[in-house]
Amino acid sequence: MLAGLPMVTIFPLLAQRYGQGEQCASALLATTLLSFLTLNLGLWALGMGATP
């Protein structure tokens, strides 16, 4: 789906001005992956996940 698209939001663009662009982009990637995992685990725990 969106895996091939680069992560472009305003936060790394603003942080780049102060030399913190890479750290901000890394934090954005980490939090996006973490939210994906926790949302899926939460849905699974509630029994709302996909069933085979």
PDB file of N, CA and C in Angstrom:
ATOM      1  N   MET A   1       0.822  -1.184   0.000  1.00  0.00           N
ATOM      2  CA  MET A   1       0.000   0.000   0.000  1.00  0.00           C
ATOM      3  C   MET A   1       0.869   1.253   0.000  1.00  0.00           C
ATOM      4  N   LEU A   2       1.211   1.749   1.178  1.00  0.00           N
ATOM      5  CA  LEU A   2       1.995   2.964   1.295  1.00  0.00           C
ATOM      6  C   LEU A   2       3.455   2.693   1.638  1.00  0.00           C
ATOM      7  N   ALA A   3       3.863   1.444   1.565  1.00  0.00           N
ATOM      8  CA  ALA A   3       5.207   1.084   2.003  1.00  0.00           C
ATOM      9  C   ALA A   3       6.293   1.728   1.149  1.00  0.00           C
ATOM     10  N   GLY A   4       6.033   1.964  -0.121  1.00  0.00           N
ATOM     11  CA  GLY A   4       7.052   2.525  -0.993  1.00  0.00           C
ATOM     12  C   GLY A   4       7.137   4.037  -0.949  1.00  0.00           C
ATOM     13  N   LEU A   5       6.199   4.698  -0.270  1.00  0.00           N
ATOM     14  CA  LEU A   5       6.193   6.155  -0.235  1.00  0.00           C
ATOM     15  C   LEU A   5       7.074   6.669   0.886  1.00  0.00           C
ATOM     16  N   PRO A   6       7.805   7.733   0.643  1.00  0.00           N
ATOM     17  CA  PRO A   6       8.629   8.302   1.723  1.00  0.00           C
ATOM     18  C   PRO A   6       7.749   8.987   2.750  1.00  0.00           C
ATOM     19  N   MET A   7       8.226   8.987   3.990  1.00  0.00           N
ATOM     20  CA  MET A   7       7.482   9.645   5.066  1.00  0.00           C
ATOM     21  C   MET A   7       7.774  11.138   5.009  1.00  0.00           C
ATOM     22  N   VAL A   8       6.808  11.901   4.570  1.00  0.00           N
ATOM     23  CA  VAL A   8       6.980  13.345   4.515  1.00  0.00           C
ATOM     24  C   VAL A   8       5.855  13.980   5.318  1.00  0.00           C
ATOM     25  N   THR A   9       6.219  14.565   6.434  1.00  0.00           N
ATOM     26  CA  THR A   9       5.282  15.340   7.220  1.00  0.00           C
ATOM     27  C   THR A   9       5.951  16.658   7.536  1.00  0.00           C
ATOM     28  N   ILE A  10       5.250  17.507   8.194  1.00  0.00           N
ATOM     29  CA  ILE A  10       5.804  18.832   8.468  1.00  0.00           C
ATOM     30  C   ILE A  10       6.854  18.810   9.573  1.00  0.00           C
ATOM     31  N   PHE A  11       6.776  17.843  10.492  1.00  0.00           N
ATOM     32  CA  PHE A  11       7.682  17.854  11.637  1.00  0.00           C
ATOM     33  C   PHE A  11       9.150  17.671  11.248  1.00  0.00           C
ATOM     34  N   PRO A  12       9.511  16.664  10.426  1.00  0.00           N
ATOM     35  CA  PRO A  12      10.916  16.576  10.023  1.00  0.00           C
ATOM     36  C   PRO A  12      11.365  17.771   9.179  1.00  0.00           C
ATOM     37  N   LEU A  13      10.437  18.338   8.421  1.00  0.00           N
ATOM     38  CA  LEU A  13      10.795  19.508   7.613  1.00  0.00           C
ATOM     39  C   LEU A  13      11.106  20.710   8.503  1.00  0.00           C
ATOM     40  N   LEU A  14      10.327  20.891   9.554  1.00  0.00           N
ATOM     41  CA  LEU A  14      10.609  21.978  10.486  1.00  0.00           C
ATOM     42  C   LEU A  14      11.878  21.706  11.291  1.00  0.00           C
ATOM     43  N   ALA A  15      12.064  20.461  11.694  1.00  0.00           N
ATOM     44  CA  ALA A  15      13.236  20.102  12.494  1.00  0.00           C
ATOM     45  C   ALA A  15      14.520  20.198  11.681  1.00  0.00           C
ATOM     46  N   GLN A  16      14.428  20.025  10.383  1.00  0.00           N
ATOM     47  CA  GLN A  16      15.614  20.090   9.527  1.00  0.00           C
ATOM     48  C   GLN A  16      16.246  21.472   9.577  1.00  0.00           C
ATOM     49  N   ARG A  17      15.438  22.460   9.774  1.00  0.00           N
ATOM     50  CA  ARG A  17      15.939  23.830   9.859  1.00  0.00           C
ATOM     51  C   ARG A  17      16.905  24.005  11.030  1.00  0.00           C
ATOM     52  N   TYR A  18      16.711  23.206  12.078  1.00  0.00           N
ATOM     53  CA  TYR A  18      17.548  23.289  13.277  1.00  0.00           C
ATOM     54  C   TYR A  18      18.537  22.132  13.388  1.00  0.00           C
ATOM     55  N   GLY A  19      18.712  21.394  12.290  1.00  0.00           N
ATOM     56  CA  GLY A  19      19.678  20.309  12.276  1.00  0.00           C
ATOM     57  C   GLY A  19      19.201  19.032  12.947  1.00  0.00           C
ATOM     58  N   GLN A  20      17.912  18.891  13.165  1.00  0.00           N
ATOM     59  CA  GLN A  20      17.366  17.735  13.849  1.00  0.00           C
ATOM     60  C   GLN A  20      16.452  16.907  12.945  1.00  0.00           C
ATOM     61  N   GLY A  21      16.569  17.060  11.651  1.00  0.00           N
ATOM     62  CA  GLY A  21      15.677  16.398  10.712  1.00  0.00           C
ATOM     63  C   GLY A  21      15.745  14.882  10.765  1.00  0.00           C
ATOM     64  N   GLU A  22      16.949  14.330  10.825  1.00  0.00           N
ATOM     65  CA  GLU A  22      17.099  12.874  10.835  1.00  0.00           C
ATOM     66  C   GLU A  22      16.550  12.260  12.120  1.00  0.00           C
ATOM     67  N   GLN A  23      16.801  12.902  13.251  1.00  0.00           N
ATOM     68  CA  GLN A  23      16.286  12.386  14.516  1.00  0.00           C
ATOM     69  C   GLN A  23      14.761  12.430  14.537  1.00  0.00           C
ATOM     70  N   CYS A  24      14.198  13.493  14.022  1.00  0.00           N
ATOM     71  CA  CYS A  24      12.746  13.622  14.001  1.00  0.00           C
ATOM     72  C   CYS A  24      12.126  12.585  13.064  1.00  0.00           C
ATOM     73  N   ALA A  25      12.740  12.377  11.897  1.00  0.00           N
ATOM     74  CA  ALA A  25      12.231  11.381  10.959  1.00  0.00           C
ATOM     75  C   ALA A  25      12.339   9.973  11.547  1.00  0.00           C
ATOM     76  N   SER A  26      13.423   9.705  12.261  1.00  0.00           N
ATOM     77  CA  SER A  26      13.581   8.397  12.902  1.00  0.00           C
ATOM     78  C   SER A  26      12.537   8.185  13.986  1.00  0.00           C
ATOM     79  N   ALA A  27      12.281   9.206  14.776  1.00  0.00           N
ATOM     80  CA  ALA A  27      11.257   9.105  15.824  1.00  0.00           C
ATOM     81  C   ALA A  27       9.882   8.914  15.195  1.00  0.00           C
ATOM     82  N   LEU A  28       9.614   9.587  14.092  1.00  0.00           N
ATOM     83  CA  LEU A  28       8.331   9.438  13.416  1.00  0.00           C
ATOM     84  C   LEU A  28       8.153   8.018  12.895  1.00  0.00           C
ATOM     85  N   LEU A  29       9.201   7.459  12.319  1.00  0.00           N
ATOM     86  CA  LEU A  29       9.140   6.090  11.831  1.00  0.00           C
ATOM     87  C   LEU A  29       8.918   5.104  12.980  1.00  0.00           C
ATOM     88  N   ALA A  30       9.650   5.288  14.062  1.00  0.00           N
ATOM     89  CA  ALA A  30       9.521   4.377  15.211  1.00  0.00           C
ATOM     90  C   ALA A  30       8.115   4.442  15.809  1.00  0.00           C
ATOM     91  N   THR A  31       7.568   5.639  15.967  1.00  0.00           N
ATOM     92  CA  THR A  31       6.238   5.746  16.553  1.00  0.00           C
ATOM     93  C   THR A  31       5.157   5.225  15.617  1.00  0.00           C
ATOM     94  N   THR A  32       5.351   5.371  14.314  1.00  0.00           N
ATOM     95  CA  THR A  32       4.389   4.828  13.357  1.00  0.00           C
ATOM     96  C   THR A  32       4.381   3.308  13.419  1.00  0.00           C
ATOM     97  N   LEU A  33       5.551   2.690  13.451  1.00  0.00           N
ATOM     98  CA  LEU A  33       5.636   1.234  13.557  1.00  0.00           C
ATOM     99  C   LEU A  33       5.061   0.745  14.881  1.00  0.00           C
ATOM    100  N   LEU A  34       5.371   1.459  15.959  1.00  0.00           N
ATOM    101  CA  LEU A  34       4.866   1.071  17.268  1.00  0.00           C
ATOM    102  C   LEU A  34       3.342   1.172  17.332  1.00  0.00           C
ATOM    103  N   SER A  35       2.785   2.214  16.739  1.00  0.00           N
ATOM    104  CA  SER A  35       1.328   2.345  16.754  1.00  0.00           C
ATOM    105  C   SER A  35       0.673   1.260  15.917  1.00  0.00           C
ATOM    106  N   PHE A  36       1.295   0.892  14.806  1.00  0.00           N
ATOM    107  CA  PHE A  36       0.768  -0.199  13.986  1.00  0.00           C
ATOM    108  C   PHE A  36       0.711  -1.490  14.798  1.00  0.00           C
ATOM    109  N   LEU A  37       1.788  -1.777  15.516  1.00  0.00           N
ATOM    110  CA  LEU A  37       1.833  -3.000  16.319  1.00  0.00           C
ATOM    111  C   LEU A  37       0.837  -2.970  17.467  1.00  0.00           C
ATOM    112  N   THR A  38       0.778  -1.856  18.192  1.00  0.00           N
ATOM    113  CA  THR A  38      -0.099  -1.807  19.350  1.00  0.00           C
ATOM    114  C   THR A  38      -1.575  -1.800  18.944  1.00  0.00           C
ATOM    115  N   LEU A  39      -1.908  -1.155  17.855  1.00  0.00           N
ATOM    116  CA  LEU A  39      -3.301  -1.184  17.394  1.00  0.00           C
ATOM    117  C   LEU A  39      -3.712  -2.592  16.995  1.00  0.00           C
ATOM    118  N   ASN A  40      -2.842  -3.286  16.286  1.00  0.00           N
ATOM    119  CA  ASN A  40      -3.159  -4.655  15.891  1.00  0.00           C
ATOM    120  C   ASN A  40      -3.237  -5.588  17.095  1.00  0.00           C
ATOM    121  N   LEU A  41      -2.343  -5.419  18.045  1.00  0.00           N
ATOM    122  CA  LEU A  41      -2.401  -6.247  19.257  1.00  0.00           C
ATOM    123  C   LEU A  41      -3.665  -5.952  20.056  1.00  0.00           C
ATOM    124  N   GLY A  42      -4.059  -4.693  20.119  1.00  0.00           N
ATOM    125  CA  GLY A  42      -5.285  -4.336  20.827  1.00  0.00           C
ATOM    126  C   GLY A  42      -6.513  -4.939  20.168  1.00  0.00           C
ATOM    127  N   LEU A  43      -6.576  -4.880  18.854  1.00  0.00           N
ATOM    128  CA  LEU A  43      -7.702  -5.478  18.139  1.00  0.00           C
ATOM    129  C   LEU A  43      -7.722  -6.991  18.317  1.00  0.00           C
ATOM    130  N   TRP A  44      -6.546  -7.595  18.292  1.00  0.00           N
ATOM    131  CA  TRP A  44      -6.458  -9.042  18.492  1.00  0.00           C
ATOM    132  C   TRP A  44      -6.928  -9.415  19.900  1.00  0.00           C
ATOM    133  N   ALA A  45      -6.515  -8.617  20.896  1.00  0.00           N
ATOM    134  CA  ALA A  45      -6.902  -8.898  22.272  1.00  0.00           C
ATOM    135  C   ALA A  45      -8.407  -8.761  22.476  1.00  0.00           C
ATOM    136  N   LEU A  46      -9.024  -7.865  21.739  1.00  0.00           N
ATOM    137  CA  LEU A  46     -10.467  -7.685  21.841  1.00  0.00           C
ATOM    138  C   LEU A  46     -11.253  -8.675  20.987  1.00  0.00           C
ATOM    139  N   GLY A  47     -10.542  -9.497  20.231  1.00  0.00           N
ATOM    140  CA  GLY A  47     -11.199 -10.473  19.395  1.00  0.00           C
ATOM    141  C   GLY A  47     -11.744  -9.912  18.110  1.00  0.00           C
ATOM    142  N   MET A  48     -11.234  -8.766  17.686  1.00  0.00           N
ATOM    143  CA  MET A  48     -11.729  -8.131  16.465  1.00  0.00           C
ATOM    144  C   MET A  48     -10.792  -8.336  15.272  1.00  0.00           C
ATOM    145  N   GLY A  49      -9.787  -9.145  15.454  1.00  0.00           N
ATOM    146  CA  GLY A  49      -8.848  -9.410  14.377  1.00  0.00           C
ATOM    147  C   GLY A  49      -9.465 -10.312  13.303  1.00  0.00           C
ATOM    148  N   ALA A  50      -8.761 -10.420  12.205  1.00  0.00           N
ATOM    149  CA  ALA A  50      -9.238 -11.269  11.114  1.00  0.00           C
ATOM    150  C   ALA A  50      -9.159 -12.732  11.526  1.00  0.00           C
ATOM    151  N   THR A  51     -10.179 -13.476  11.176  1.00  0.00           N
ATOM    152  CA  THR A  51     -10.192 -14.910  11.475  1.00  0.00           C
ATOM    153  C   THR A  51     -10.018 -15.682  10.173  1.00  0.00           C
ATOM    154  N   PRO A  52      -9.263 -16.767  10.221  1.00  0.00           N
ATOM    155  CA  PRO A  52      -9.032 -17.535   8.990  1.00  0.00           C
ATOM    156  C   PRO A  52     -10.266 -18.290   8.530  1.00  0.00           C
TER     157      PRO A  52
END
